[in-house]
């Protein structure tokens, strides 16, 4: 007798801030509209300076404006690169990059309850190591060309398929994702779709972009 495996959980939207936020009140307003437009799992504060490193002052300023707003809506707030800053700002966790703070170090700084994500680019081995070290999710990509992050490497859909079939650790797809090109990533097995300019730079506005993403995710992976 064969049994049908249970359906995997619905894929959810993982928002990432623009690399620079020059008008914090305007960004806060846009985020408020986006939150009201549909399901959002998490918000990563990824503010970068011209040197490509985390802009600590900007991260603090944006965090003060939006962390409470997001958390009250049930959205996990993650800080890019810096577990120390995540702890200072009362964030829910941190996302560490390919060559940033090790997952084990971030866990020791933030404790067992923090969310820790890790970039794996296109490496199954790197993702497995991150999981063994205590990451709560791994991020694969870039799946499409992106203007918001330099030094990306291409990732293939097969990576999501293999990971979903073999591993329980959630995976995030990232890199140039829009509501019009996300479907193959969802059907391949992405548990979360990470989006930056695909929401913030949409001509119709962030709220309409969030609506479009959620309509797609509801269709492909119903609740």
N, C-alpha and C. Protein backbone atom coordinates (compact mmCIF):
# COMPACT_ATOMS: atom_id res chain seq x y z
N UNK A 1 0.85 -1.20 0.00
CA UNK A 1 0.00 0.00 0.00
C UNK A 1 0.89 1.25 0.00
N UNK A 2 0.62 2.13 -0.93
CA UNK A 2 1.39 3.36 -1.02
C UNK A 2 0.62 4.50 -0.38
N UNK A 3 1.35 5.43 0.16
CA UNK A 3 0.73 6.61 0.76
C UNK A 3 1.19 7.85 0.03
N UNK A 4 0.31 8.80 -0.05
CA UNK A 4 0.64 10.06 -0.70
C UNK A 4 1.32 10.98 0.29
N UNK A 5 2.51 11.48 -0.03
CA UNK A 5 3.18 12.38 0.91
C UNK A 5 2.37 13.64 1.11
N UNK A 6 2.42 14.21 2.31
CA UNK A 6 1.65 15.42 2.56
C UNK A 6 2.18 16.57 1.71
N UNK A 7 1.31 17.50 1.33
CA UNK A 7 1.79 18.65 0.55
C UNK A 7 2.73 19.49 1.40
N UNK A 8 3.74 20.05 0.74
CA UNK A 8 4.66 20.90 1.49
C UNK A 8 3.97 22.21 1.82
N UNK A 9 4.46 22.88 2.86
CA UNK A 9 3.83 24.15 3.25
C UNK A 9 3.87 25.18 2.12
N UNK A 10 2.94 26.09 2.18
CA UNK A 10 2.87 27.15 1.17
C UNK A 10 4.15 27.96 1.15
N UNK A 11 4.63 28.24 -0.05
CA UNK A 11 5.77 29.13 -0.22
C UNK A 11 5.38 30.54 0.23
N UNK A 12 6.31 31.23 0.89
CA UNK A 12 6.00 32.56 1.42
C UNK A 12 6.99 33.60 0.90
N UNK A 13 6.60 34.84 1.06
CA UNK A 13 7.39 35.95 0.55
C UNK A 13 8.37 36.44 1.62
N UNK A 14 9.61 36.65 1.19
CA UNK A 14 10.70 37.09 2.06
C UNK A 14 11.19 38.41 1.48
N UNK A 15 10.86 39.52 2.12
CA UNK A 15 11.23 40.84 1.60
C UNK A 15 12.64 41.24 2.04
N UNK A 16 13.34 41.92 1.16
CA UNK A 16 14.65 42.50 1.47
C UNK A 16 14.57 43.98 1.14
N UNK A 17 15.08 44.80 2.02
CA UNK A 17 15.04 46.25 1.77
C UNK A 17 15.89 46.60 0.55
N UNK A 18 15.66 47.75 -0.05
CA UNK A 18 16.61 48.25 -1.04
C UNK A 18 17.97 48.46 -0.39
N UNK A 19 19.06 48.45 -1.17
CA UNK A 19 20.39 48.66 -0.59
C UNK A 19 20.55 50.02 0.08
N UNK A 20 19.82 51.03 -0.43
CA UNK A 20 19.84 52.36 0.20
C UNK A 20 18.40 52.84 0.39
N UNK A 21 18.15 53.47 1.51
CA UNK A 21 16.85 54.07 1.78
C UNK A 21 17.10 55.53 2.13
N UNK A 22 16.85 56.43 1.19
CA UNK A 22 17.14 57.85 1.39
C UNK A 22 16.03 58.59 2.11
N UNK A 23 14.80 58.08 1.98
CA UNK A 23 13.64 58.73 2.58
C UNK A 23 12.94 57.71 3.48
N UNK A 24 13.29 57.72 4.76
CA UNK A 24 12.77 56.69 5.66
C UNK A 24 11.25 56.79 5.84
N UNK A 25 10.66 57.99 6.01
CA UNK A 25 9.20 58.04 6.11
C UNK A 25 8.51 57.47 4.87
N UNK A 26 9.03 57.75 3.68
CA UNK A 26 8.43 57.21 2.46
C UNK A 26 8.56 55.70 2.42
N UNK A 27 9.71 55.18 2.83
CA UNK A 27 9.89 53.73 2.86
C UNK A 27 8.95 53.09 3.88
N UNK A 28 8.82 53.71 5.03
CA UNK A 28 7.91 53.18 6.05
C UNK A 28 6.49 53.13 5.54
N UNK A 29 6.08 54.16 4.81
CA UNK A 29 4.74 54.18 4.22
C UNK A 29 4.58 53.07 3.20
N UNK A 30 5.61 52.88 2.37
CA UNK A 30 5.56 51.81 1.37
C UNK A 30 5.50 50.44 2.02
N UNK A 31 6.26 50.25 3.09
CA UNK A 31 6.23 48.98 3.80
C UNK A 31 4.87 48.74 4.45
N UNK A 32 4.30 49.78 5.02
CA UNK A 32 2.96 49.65 5.62
C UNK A 32 1.95 49.19 4.59
N UNK A 33 2.01 49.78 3.40
CA UNK A 33 1.10 49.38 2.33
C UNK A 33 1.36 47.94 1.90
N UNK A 34 2.63 47.56 1.82
CA UNK A 34 2.97 46.20 1.43
C UNK A 34 2.46 45.19 2.45
N UNK A 35 2.62 45.51 3.73
CA UNK A 35 2.15 44.61 4.78
C UNK A 35 0.64 44.41 4.70
N UNK A 36 -0.06 45.48 4.37
CA UNK A 36 -1.51 45.38 4.27
C UNK A 36 -2.00 44.67 3.02
N UNK A 37 -1.08 44.38 2.10
CA UNK A 37 -1.49 43.82 0.80
C UNK A 37 -1.45 42.30 0.75
N UNK A 38 -0.83 41.66 1.74
CA UNK A 38 -0.77 40.20 1.69
C UNK A 38 0.30 39.62 2.59
N UNK A 39 0.38 38.31 2.59
CA UNK A 39 1.28 37.59 3.49
C UNK A 39 2.75 37.89 3.21
N UNK A 40 3.49 38.22 4.26
CA UNK A 40 4.93 38.42 4.21
C UNK A 40 5.53 37.68 5.40
N UNK A 41 6.49 36.81 5.15
CA UNK A 41 7.08 36.02 6.22
C UNK A 41 8.14 36.78 6.98
N UNK A 42 8.98 37.50 6.25
CA UNK A 42 10.15 38.12 6.88
C UNK A 42 10.58 39.36 6.11
N UNK A 43 11.34 40.18 6.82
CA UNK A 43 11.92 41.39 6.23
C UNK A 43 13.38 41.44 6.63
N UNK A 44 14.26 41.40 5.64
CA UNK A 44 15.68 41.52 5.91
C UNK A 44 16.12 42.96 5.67
N UNK A 45 16.74 43.56 6.68
CA UNK A 45 17.30 44.89 6.52
C UNK A 45 18.70 44.75 5.96
N UNK A 46 18.83 45.11 4.69
CA UNK A 46 20.10 44.96 3.98
C UNK A 46 20.49 46.32 3.41
N UNK A 47 21.02 47.17 4.26
CA UNK A 47 21.43 48.52 3.88
C UNK A 47 22.94 48.54 3.69
N UNK A 48 23.37 48.96 2.50
CA UNK A 48 24.78 48.92 2.16
C UNK A 48 25.33 50.31 1.85
N UNK A 49 26.59 50.51 2.21
CA UNK A 49 27.28 51.73 1.84
C UNK A 49 27.92 51.61 0.48
N UNK A 50 28.60 52.66 0.03
CA UNK A 50 29.24 52.63 -1.29
C UNK A 50 30.36 51.61 -1.36
N UNK A 51 30.91 51.24 -0.20
CA UNK A 51 31.97 50.24 -0.17
C UNK A 51 31.43 48.81 -0.20
N UNK A 52 30.11 48.68 -0.24
CA UNK A 52 29.50 47.36 -0.28
C UNK A 52 29.32 46.71 1.07
N UNK A 53 29.80 47.38 2.13
CA UNK A 53 29.66 46.84 3.48
C UNK A 53 28.38 47.36 4.12
N UNK A 54 27.96 46.70 5.18
CA UNK A 54 26.74 47.11 5.86
C UNK A 54 26.87 48.55 6.34
N UNK A 55 25.82 49.33 6.08
CA UNK A 55 25.75 50.71 6.55
C UNK A 55 25.09 50.68 7.92
N UNK A 56 25.91 50.74 8.94
CA UNK A 56 25.42 50.56 10.30
C UNK A 56 24.45 51.67 10.69
N UNK A 57 24.80 52.92 10.38
CA UNK A 57 23.93 54.03 10.76
C UNK A 57 22.59 53.95 10.05
N UNK A 58 22.61 53.63 8.77
CA UNK A 58 21.36 53.51 8.03
C UNK A 58 20.53 52.35 8.54
N UNK A 59 21.19 51.24 8.87
CA UNK A 59 20.47 50.09 9.40
C UNK A 59 19.79 50.43 10.71
N UNK A 60 20.50 51.15 11.57
CA UNK A 60 19.90 51.56 12.84
C UNK A 60 18.69 52.46 12.60
N UNK A 61 18.84 53.41 11.70
CA UNK A 61 17.76 54.37 11.45
C UNK A 61 16.53 53.69 10.86
N UNK A 62 16.74 52.83 9.89
CA UNK A 62 15.60 52.13 9.28
C UNK A 62 14.98 51.16 10.27
N UNK A 63 15.81 50.49 11.04
CA UNK A 63 15.29 49.56 12.04
C UNK A 63 14.39 50.26 13.05
N UNK A 64 14.82 51.42 13.51
CA UNK A 64 13.99 52.16 14.48
C UNK A 64 12.63 52.49 13.89
N UNK A 65 12.59 52.70 12.58
CA UNK A 65 11.33 53.09 11.94
C UNK A 65 10.42 51.91 11.64
N UNK A 66 10.98 50.74 11.34
CA UNK A 66 10.13 49.67 10.78
C UNK A 66 10.13 48.37 11.57
N UNK A 67 11.06 48.14 12.48
CA UNK A 67 11.11 46.84 13.14
C UNK A 67 9.84 46.55 13.94
N UNK A 68 9.41 47.50 14.75
CA UNK A 68 8.19 47.30 15.51
C UNK A 68 6.98 47.10 14.62
N UNK A 69 6.90 47.89 13.56
CA UNK A 69 5.80 47.79 12.60
C UNK A 69 5.72 46.38 12.01
N UNK A 70 6.87 45.87 11.57
CA UNK A 70 6.89 44.54 10.97
C UNK A 70 6.58 43.46 11.99
N UNK A 71 7.20 43.53 13.15
CA UNK A 71 7.00 42.49 14.16
C UNK A 71 5.56 42.45 14.65
N UNK A 72 4.92 43.59 14.76
CA UNK A 72 3.51 43.62 15.16
C UNK A 72 2.62 42.93 14.14
N UNK A 73 3.07 42.89 12.90
CA UNK A 73 2.32 42.22 11.84
C UNK A 73 2.72 40.75 11.71
N UNK A 74 3.56 40.26 12.62
CA UNK A 74 3.97 38.86 12.57
C UNK A 74 5.08 38.57 11.59
N UNK A 75 5.80 39.61 11.19
CA UNK A 75 6.88 39.47 10.22
C UNK A 75 8.21 39.43 10.96
N UNK A 76 9.00 38.41 10.70
CA UNK A 76 10.31 38.30 11.34
C UNK A 76 11.27 39.31 10.70
N UNK A 77 11.97 40.05 11.53
CA UNK A 77 12.94 41.04 11.05
C UNK A 77 14.35 40.49 11.22
N UNK A 78 15.09 40.45 10.13
CA UNK A 78 16.45 39.93 10.12
C UNK A 78 17.40 41.03 9.69
N UNK A 79 18.59 41.06 10.28
CA UNK A 79 19.62 42.01 9.91
C UNK A 79 20.66 41.30 9.05
N UNK A 80 21.06 41.94 8.00
CA UNK A 80 22.07 41.36 7.12
C UNK A 80 23.46 41.49 7.74
N UNK A 81 24.19 40.41 7.75
CA UNK A 81 25.63 40.37 8.05
C UNK A 81 26.03 40.45 9.53
N UNK A 82 25.31 41.17 10.36
CA UNK A 82 25.83 41.50 11.69
C UNK A 82 24.95 40.97 12.82
N UNK A 83 25.35 39.87 13.45
CA UNK A 83 24.58 39.41 14.62
C UNK A 83 24.64 40.38 15.78
N UNK A 84 25.74 41.10 15.92
CA UNK A 84 25.84 42.09 16.99
C UNK A 84 24.79 43.18 16.82
N UNK A 85 24.62 43.65 15.58
CA UNK A 85 23.62 44.68 15.31
C UNK A 85 22.21 44.12 15.47
N UNK A 86 22.01 42.88 15.07
CA UNK A 86 20.70 42.25 15.24
C UNK A 86 20.32 42.21 16.71
N UNK A 87 21.27 41.87 17.57
CA UNK A 87 20.99 41.83 19.01
C UNK A 87 20.71 43.24 19.55
N UNK A 88 21.51 44.21 19.11
CA UNK A 88 21.33 45.58 19.57
C UNK A 88 19.96 46.13 19.20
N UNK A 89 19.49 45.81 18.00
CA UNK A 89 18.26 46.40 17.47
C UNK A 89 17.00 45.62 17.81
N UNK A 90 17.14 44.50 18.50
CA UNK A 90 15.97 43.71 18.85
C UNK A 90 15.36 42.99 17.67
N UNK A 91 16.18 42.66 16.69
CA UNK A 91 15.69 41.92 15.52
C UNK A 91 15.45 40.46 15.90
N UNK A 92 14.76 39.76 15.03
CA UNK A 92 14.47 38.34 15.27
C UNK A 92 15.61 37.44 14.89
N UNK A 93 16.57 37.97 14.13
CA UNK A 93 17.69 37.15 13.73
C UNK A 93 18.59 37.85 12.75
N UNK A 94 19.41 37.06 12.07
CA UNK A 94 20.44 37.59 11.18
C UNK A 94 20.56 36.70 9.96
N UNK A 95 20.94 37.32 8.84
CA UNK A 95 21.30 36.55 7.65
C UNK A 95 22.78 36.78 7.38
N UNK A 96 23.55 35.69 7.35
CA UNK A 96 24.99 35.82 7.14
C UNK A 96 25.34 35.40 5.72
N UNK A 97 26.27 36.14 5.13
CA UNK A 97 26.66 35.91 3.75
C UNK A 97 27.69 34.81 3.60
N UNK A 98 28.12 34.62 2.37
CA UNK A 98 29.04 33.56 1.99
C UNK A 98 30.34 33.60 2.78
N UNK A 99 30.88 34.81 2.97
CA UNK A 99 32.16 34.95 3.66
C UNK A 99 32.04 35.83 4.90
N UNK A 100 30.83 35.90 5.47
CA UNK A 100 30.62 36.73 6.65
C UNK A 100 30.80 35.91 7.92
N UNK A 101 30.17 36.36 8.97
CA UNK A 101 30.26 35.68 10.26
C UNK A 101 29.79 34.23 10.14
N UNK A 102 30.54 33.27 10.67
CA UNK A 102 30.10 31.87 10.62
C UNK A 102 28.77 31.67 11.35
N UNK A 103 28.02 30.71 10.88
CA UNK A 103 26.73 30.41 11.50
C UNK A 103 26.89 30.10 12.98
N UNK A 104 27.89 29.31 13.33
CA UNK A 104 28.11 28.94 14.73
C UNK A 104 28.37 30.18 15.59
N UNK A 105 29.11 31.14 15.07
CA UNK A 105 29.38 32.36 15.81
C UNK A 105 28.11 33.17 16.01
N UNK A 106 27.32 33.28 14.96
CA UNK A 106 26.06 34.01 15.05
C UNK A 106 25.14 33.36 16.08
N UNK A 107 25.11 32.04 16.07
CA UNK A 107 24.24 31.33 17.02
C UNK A 107 24.71 31.57 18.46
N UNK A 108 26.00 31.55 18.67
CA UNK A 108 26.51 31.76 20.02
C UNK A 108 26.22 33.17 20.52
N UNK A 109 26.19 34.14 19.61
CA UNK A 109 25.91 35.53 19.98
C UNK A 109 24.42 35.78 20.23
N UNK A 110 23.57 35.13 19.43
CA UNK A 110 22.14 35.44 19.46
C UNK A 110 21.30 34.43 20.24
N UNK A 111 21.84 33.26 20.51
CA UNK A 111 21.11 32.29 21.30
C UNK A 111 20.25 31.36 20.48
N UNK A 112 19.63 30.39 21.14
CA UNK A 112 18.93 29.32 20.43
C UNK A 112 17.64 29.73 19.75
N UNK A 113 17.05 30.83 20.18
CA UNK A 113 15.74 31.21 19.64
C UNK A 113 15.82 32.13 18.42
N UNK A 114 16.98 32.66 18.13
CA UNK A 114 17.12 33.57 16.99
C UNK A 114 17.02 32.81 15.67
N UNK A 115 16.56 33.50 14.65
CA UNK A 115 16.54 32.95 13.30
C UNK A 115 17.87 33.28 12.64
N UNK A 116 18.55 32.26 12.13
CA UNK A 116 19.82 32.48 11.45
C UNK A 116 19.75 31.85 10.07
N UNK A 117 19.90 32.70 9.07
CA UNK A 117 19.92 32.23 7.69
C UNK A 117 21.31 32.37 7.11
N UNK A 118 21.60 31.57 6.10
CA UNK A 118 22.94 31.57 5.51
C UNK A 118 22.88 31.50 4.00
N UNK A 119 23.72 32.29 3.36
CA UNK A 119 23.85 32.25 1.91
C UNK A 119 24.60 31.00 1.49
N UNK A 120 24.05 30.29 0.50
CA UNK A 120 24.72 29.11 -0.03
C UNK A 120 25.04 29.25 -1.52
N UNK A 121 24.61 30.35 -2.12
CA UNK A 121 24.82 30.60 -3.55
C UNK A 121 24.33 29.39 -4.37
N UNK A 122 25.24 28.69 -5.04
CA UNK A 122 24.83 27.53 -5.83
C UNK A 122 25.48 26.25 -5.31
N UNK A 123 25.80 26.24 -4.02
CA UNK A 123 26.55 25.13 -3.44
C UNK A 123 25.69 24.28 -2.50
N UNK A 124 25.41 23.06 -2.91
CA UNK A 124 24.70 22.12 -2.06
C UNK A 124 25.54 21.81 -0.82
N UNK A 125 26.85 21.68 -1.01
CA UNK A 125 27.74 21.38 0.11
C UNK A 125 27.74 22.51 1.13
N UNK A 126 27.83 23.74 0.67
CA UNK A 126 27.82 24.90 1.57
C UNK A 126 26.50 24.95 2.35
N UNK A 127 25.40 24.64 1.68
CA UNK A 127 24.10 24.64 2.34
C UNK A 127 24.03 23.56 3.41
N UNK A 128 24.52 22.37 3.11
CA UNK A 128 24.52 21.30 4.09
C UNK A 128 25.37 21.66 5.31
N UNK A 129 26.52 22.29 5.06
CA UNK A 129 27.38 22.69 6.17
C UNK A 129 26.69 23.73 7.05
N UNK A 130 26.01 24.67 6.40
CA UNK A 130 25.28 25.69 7.17
C UNK A 130 24.21 25.05 8.04
N UNK A 131 23.51 24.07 7.48
CA UNK A 131 22.51 23.36 8.26
C UNK A 131 23.11 22.62 9.44
N UNK A 132 24.22 21.96 9.21
CA UNK A 132 24.90 21.24 10.29
C UNK A 132 25.39 22.19 11.38
N UNK A 133 25.73 23.41 10.98
CA UNK A 133 26.22 24.40 11.94
C UNK A 133 25.11 25.12 12.70
N UNK A 134 23.85 24.86 12.31
CA UNK A 134 22.74 25.42 13.06
C UNK A 134 21.91 26.47 12.37
N UNK A 135 22.06 26.63 11.05
CA UNK A 135 21.23 27.60 10.33
C UNK A 135 19.78 27.15 10.31
N UNK A 136 18.87 28.11 10.30
CA UNK A 136 17.44 27.82 10.23
C UNK A 136 16.93 27.77 8.80
N UNK A 137 17.68 28.34 7.89
CA UNK A 137 17.36 28.24 6.47
C UNK A 137 18.62 28.54 5.67
N UNK A 138 18.61 28.12 4.41
CA UNK A 138 19.70 28.45 3.49
C UNK A 138 19.12 29.15 2.27
N UNK A 139 19.92 30.03 1.68
CA UNK A 139 19.47 30.81 0.53
C UNK A 139 20.30 30.46 -0.69
N UNK A 140 19.62 30.04 -1.75
CA UNK A 140 20.28 29.71 -3.01
C UNK A 140 20.02 30.82 -4.03
N UNK A 141 20.99 31.08 -4.89
CA UNK A 141 20.83 32.05 -5.95
C UNK A 141 22.16 32.75 -6.25
N UNK A 142 22.20 33.51 -7.33
CA UNK A 142 21.07 34.17 -7.95
C UNK A 142 20.50 33.33 -9.10
N UNK A 143 19.16 33.25 -9.11
CA UNK A 143 18.49 32.50 -10.16
C UNK A 143 18.27 33.33 -11.42
N UNK A 144 18.21 34.65 -11.27
CA UNK A 144 18.07 35.56 -12.40
C UNK A 144 19.04 36.73 -12.19
N UNK A 145 19.35 37.46 -13.25
CA UNK A 145 20.22 38.63 -13.09
C UNK A 145 19.60 39.63 -12.12
N UNK A 146 20.44 40.25 -11.32
CA UNK A 146 19.96 41.19 -10.31
C UNK A 146 20.83 42.43 -10.28
N UNK A 147 20.20 43.57 -10.01
CA UNK A 147 20.91 44.84 -9.91
C UNK A 147 21.18 45.23 -8.47
N UNK A 148 20.64 44.49 -7.51
CA UNK A 148 20.75 44.91 -6.11
C UNK A 148 21.89 44.24 -5.37
N UNK A 149 22.58 43.31 -6.01
CA UNK A 149 23.69 42.64 -5.34
C UNK A 149 24.78 42.33 -6.35
N UNK A 150 26.02 42.66 -5.99
CA UNK A 150 27.15 42.36 -6.85
C UNK A 150 27.73 40.99 -6.53
N UNK A 151 28.58 40.50 -7.43
CA UNK A 151 29.33 39.26 -7.24
C UNK A 151 28.42 38.06 -7.00
N UNK A 152 27.36 37.96 -7.78
CA UNK A 152 26.49 36.80 -7.68
C UNK A 152 26.99 35.69 -8.60
N UNK A 153 26.51 34.49 -8.33
CA UNK A 153 26.79 33.35 -9.21
C UNK A 153 25.45 32.75 -9.62
N UNK A 154 25.36 32.19 -10.83
CA UNK A 154 24.09 31.63 -11.27
C UNK A 154 23.78 30.32 -10.55
N UNK A 155 22.51 30.13 -10.25
CA UNK A 155 22.05 28.89 -9.64
C UNK A 155 20.98 28.27 -10.53
N UNK A 156 20.89 26.95 -10.53
CA UNK A 156 19.96 26.24 -11.39
C UNK A 156 18.77 25.71 -10.60
N UNK A 157 17.64 25.55 -11.27
CA UNK A 157 16.43 25.05 -10.63
C UNK A 157 16.64 23.67 -10.00
N UNK A 158 17.50 22.88 -10.60
CA UNK A 158 17.73 21.53 -10.10
C UNK A 158 18.20 21.55 -8.64
N UNK A 159 18.91 22.59 -8.26
CA UNK A 159 19.40 22.69 -6.89
C UNK A 159 18.23 22.73 -5.90
N UNK A 160 17.20 23.49 -6.23
CA UNK A 160 16.01 23.55 -5.38
C UNK A 160 15.30 22.20 -5.34
N UNK A 161 15.21 21.55 -6.49
CA UNK A 161 14.53 20.27 -6.57
C UNK A 161 15.21 19.21 -5.71
N UNK A 162 16.53 19.14 -5.83
CA UNK A 162 17.30 18.16 -5.07
C UNK A 162 17.22 18.46 -3.58
N UNK A 163 17.34 19.72 -3.23
CA UNK A 163 17.30 20.09 -1.82
C UNK A 163 15.94 19.76 -1.22
N UNK A 164 14.87 20.11 -1.90
CA UNK A 164 13.53 19.87 -1.39
C UNK A 164 13.26 18.38 -1.22
N UNK A 165 13.80 17.58 -2.12
CA UNK A 165 13.56 16.14 -2.06
C UNK A 165 14.34 15.46 -0.93
N UNK A 166 15.49 16.04 -0.57
CA UNK A 166 16.38 15.34 0.36
C UNK A 166 16.45 15.97 1.75
N UNK A 167 16.14 17.26 1.88
CA UNK A 167 16.40 17.97 3.12
C UNK A 167 15.12 18.57 3.71
N UNK A 168 15.10 18.65 5.04
CA UNK A 168 13.98 19.29 5.73
C UNK A 168 14.22 20.77 5.98
N UNK A 169 15.48 21.19 5.98
CA UNK A 169 15.81 22.59 6.23
C UNK A 169 15.23 23.47 5.13
N UNK A 170 14.48 24.52 5.48
CA UNK A 170 13.88 25.37 4.46
C UNK A 170 14.93 26.05 3.58
N UNK A 171 14.54 26.28 2.33
CA UNK A 171 15.43 26.97 1.39
C UNK A 171 14.73 28.20 0.82
N UNK A 172 15.55 29.21 0.58
CA UNK A 172 15.10 30.49 0.02
C UNK A 172 15.70 30.63 -1.37
N UNK A 173 14.89 31.03 -2.33
CA UNK A 173 15.38 31.37 -3.66
C UNK A 173 15.54 32.88 -3.75
N UNK A 174 16.66 33.33 -4.32
CA UNK A 174 16.96 34.75 -4.36
C UNK A 174 17.61 35.11 -5.70
N UNK A 175 17.46 36.38 -6.09
CA UNK A 175 18.17 36.86 -7.26
C UNK A 175 17.27 37.23 -8.42
N UNK A 176 16.93 38.52 -8.54
CA UNK A 176 16.19 39.01 -9.70
C UNK A 176 14.78 38.49 -9.84
N UNK A 177 14.16 38.12 -8.73
CA UNK A 177 12.84 37.48 -8.79
C UNK A 177 11.73 38.52 -8.86
N UNK A 178 10.79 38.28 -9.76
CA UNK A 178 9.60 39.11 -9.89
C UNK A 178 8.38 38.18 -9.89
N UNK A 179 7.21 38.78 -9.81
CA UNK A 179 6.00 37.97 -9.84
C UNK A 179 5.83 37.24 -11.18
N UNK A 180 6.46 37.75 -12.22
CA UNK A 180 6.32 37.13 -13.53
C UNK A 180 7.32 36.00 -13.79
N UNK A 181 8.39 35.92 -13.00
CA UNK A 181 9.36 34.84 -13.23
C UNK A 181 9.52 33.89 -12.05
N UNK A 182 8.70 34.06 -11.01
CA UNK A 182 8.87 33.27 -9.78
C UNK A 182 8.33 31.86 -9.88
N UNK A 183 7.40 31.61 -10.79
CA UNK A 183 6.71 30.31 -10.80
C UNK A 183 7.65 29.11 -10.88
N UNK A 184 8.65 29.09 -11.77
CA UNK A 184 9.53 27.92 -11.80
C UNK A 184 10.26 27.67 -10.49
N UNK A 185 10.59 28.71 -9.76
CA UNK A 185 11.29 28.56 -8.49
C UNK A 185 10.38 27.95 -7.44
N UNK A 186 9.14 28.35 -7.44
CA UNK A 186 8.18 27.81 -6.48
C UNK A 186 7.92 26.33 -6.77
N UNK A 187 7.67 26.01 -8.02
CA UNK A 187 7.38 24.62 -8.37
C UNK A 187 8.61 23.73 -8.19
N UNK A 188 9.80 24.31 -8.28
CA UNK A 188 11.02 23.53 -8.08
C UNK A 188 11.28 23.23 -6.61
N UNK A 189 10.65 23.99 -5.70
CA UNK A 189 10.80 23.65 -4.30
C UNK A 189 11.20 24.75 -3.35
N UNK A 190 11.23 26.00 -3.78
CA UNK A 190 11.60 27.08 -2.87
C UNK A 190 10.55 27.23 -1.78
N UNK A 191 10.99 27.24 -0.53
CA UNK A 191 10.08 27.46 0.59
C UNK A 191 9.77 28.94 0.78
N UNK A 192 10.72 29.78 0.38
CA UNK A 192 10.55 31.23 0.45
C UNK A 192 11.10 31.84 -0.83
N UNK A 193 10.48 32.93 -1.26
CA UNK A 193 10.94 33.69 -2.40
C UNK A 193 11.43 35.04 -1.88
N UNK A 194 12.74 35.29 -2.03
CA UNK A 194 13.32 36.54 -1.54
C UNK A 194 13.28 37.59 -2.63
N UNK A 195 12.72 38.74 -2.30
CA UNK A 195 12.47 39.77 -3.31
C UNK A 195 12.86 41.14 -2.76
N UNK A 196 13.54 41.92 -3.58
CA UNK A 196 13.85 43.31 -3.24
C UNK A 196 13.23 44.23 -4.30
N UNK A 197 13.95 44.46 -5.39
CA UNK A 197 13.43 45.39 -6.40
C UNK A 197 12.14 44.87 -7.04
N UNK A 198 11.91 43.57 -7.00
CA UNK A 198 10.66 43.00 -7.53
C UNK A 198 9.43 43.48 -6.79
N UNK A 199 9.62 44.07 -5.62
CA UNK A 199 8.53 44.71 -4.89
C UNK A 199 8.71 46.22 -4.86
N UNK A 200 9.88 46.68 -4.39
CA UNK A 200 10.04 48.12 -4.17
C UNK A 200 10.10 48.94 -5.44
N UNK A 201 10.58 48.36 -6.55
CA UNK A 201 10.75 49.12 -7.79
C UNK A 201 9.61 48.92 -8.78
N UNK A 202 8.55 48.26 -8.36
CA UNK A 202 7.46 48.01 -9.30
C UNK A 202 6.68 49.29 -9.59
N UNK A 203 6.40 49.57 -10.87
CA UNK A 203 5.68 50.81 -11.22
C UNK A 203 4.32 50.92 -10.55
N UNK A 204 3.67 49.78 -10.32
CA UNK A 204 2.34 49.81 -9.71
C UNK A 204 2.41 50.03 -8.20
N UNK A 205 3.60 49.94 -7.65
CA UNK A 205 3.78 50.14 -6.22
C UNK A 205 3.98 48.84 -5.47
N UNK A 206 4.62 48.90 -4.31
CA UNK A 206 4.92 47.71 -3.54
C UNK A 206 3.69 46.88 -3.15
N UNK A 207 2.61 47.54 -2.81
CA UNK A 207 1.41 46.81 -2.40
C UNK A 207 0.89 45.93 -3.53
N UNK A 208 0.86 46.48 -4.74
CA UNK A 208 0.38 45.68 -5.87
C UNK A 208 1.33 44.52 -6.16
N UNK A 209 2.62 44.74 -5.97
CA UNK A 209 3.58 43.66 -6.17
C UNK A 209 3.36 42.55 -5.15
N UNK A 210 3.14 42.90 -3.88
CA UNK A 210 2.89 41.89 -2.85
C UNK A 210 1.60 41.13 -3.16
N UNK A 211 0.58 41.82 -3.63
CA UNK A 211 -0.65 41.15 -4.03
C UNK A 211 -0.39 40.14 -5.14
N UNK A 212 0.39 40.54 -6.14
CA UNK A 212 0.67 39.66 -7.27
C UNK A 212 1.46 38.43 -6.83
N UNK A 213 2.45 38.62 -5.97
CA UNK A 213 3.22 37.48 -5.47
C UNK A 213 2.32 36.52 -4.70
N UNK A 214 1.48 37.06 -3.84
CA UNK A 214 0.64 36.18 -3.03
C UNK A 214 -0.41 35.46 -3.86
N UNK A 215 -0.91 36.10 -4.89
CA UNK A 215 -1.85 35.42 -5.78
C UNK A 215 -1.16 34.23 -6.45
N UNK A 216 0.09 34.44 -6.87
CA UNK A 216 0.84 33.34 -7.48
C UNK A 216 1.10 32.23 -6.48
N UNK A 217 1.53 32.57 -5.27
CA UNK A 217 1.85 31.56 -4.27
C UNK A 217 0.60 30.81 -3.82
N UNK A 218 -0.52 31.49 -3.73
CA UNK A 218 -1.78 30.82 -3.38
C UNK A 218 -2.17 29.81 -4.46
N UNK A 219 -1.90 30.15 -5.69
CA UNK A 219 -2.26 29.25 -6.79
C UNK A 219 -1.34 28.03 -6.84
N UNK A 220 -0.06 28.24 -6.60
CA UNK A 220 0.91 27.16 -6.76
C UNK A 220 1.04 26.28 -5.53
N UNK A 221 0.97 26.88 -4.36
CA UNK A 221 1.10 26.13 -3.10
C UNK A 221 0.01 26.61 -2.15
N UNK A 222 -1.21 26.13 -2.33
CA UNK A 222 -2.33 26.64 -1.52
C UNK A 222 -2.09 26.44 -0.03
N UNK A 223 -2.72 27.29 0.75
CA UNK A 223 -2.62 27.19 2.21
C UNK A 223 -3.24 25.88 2.69
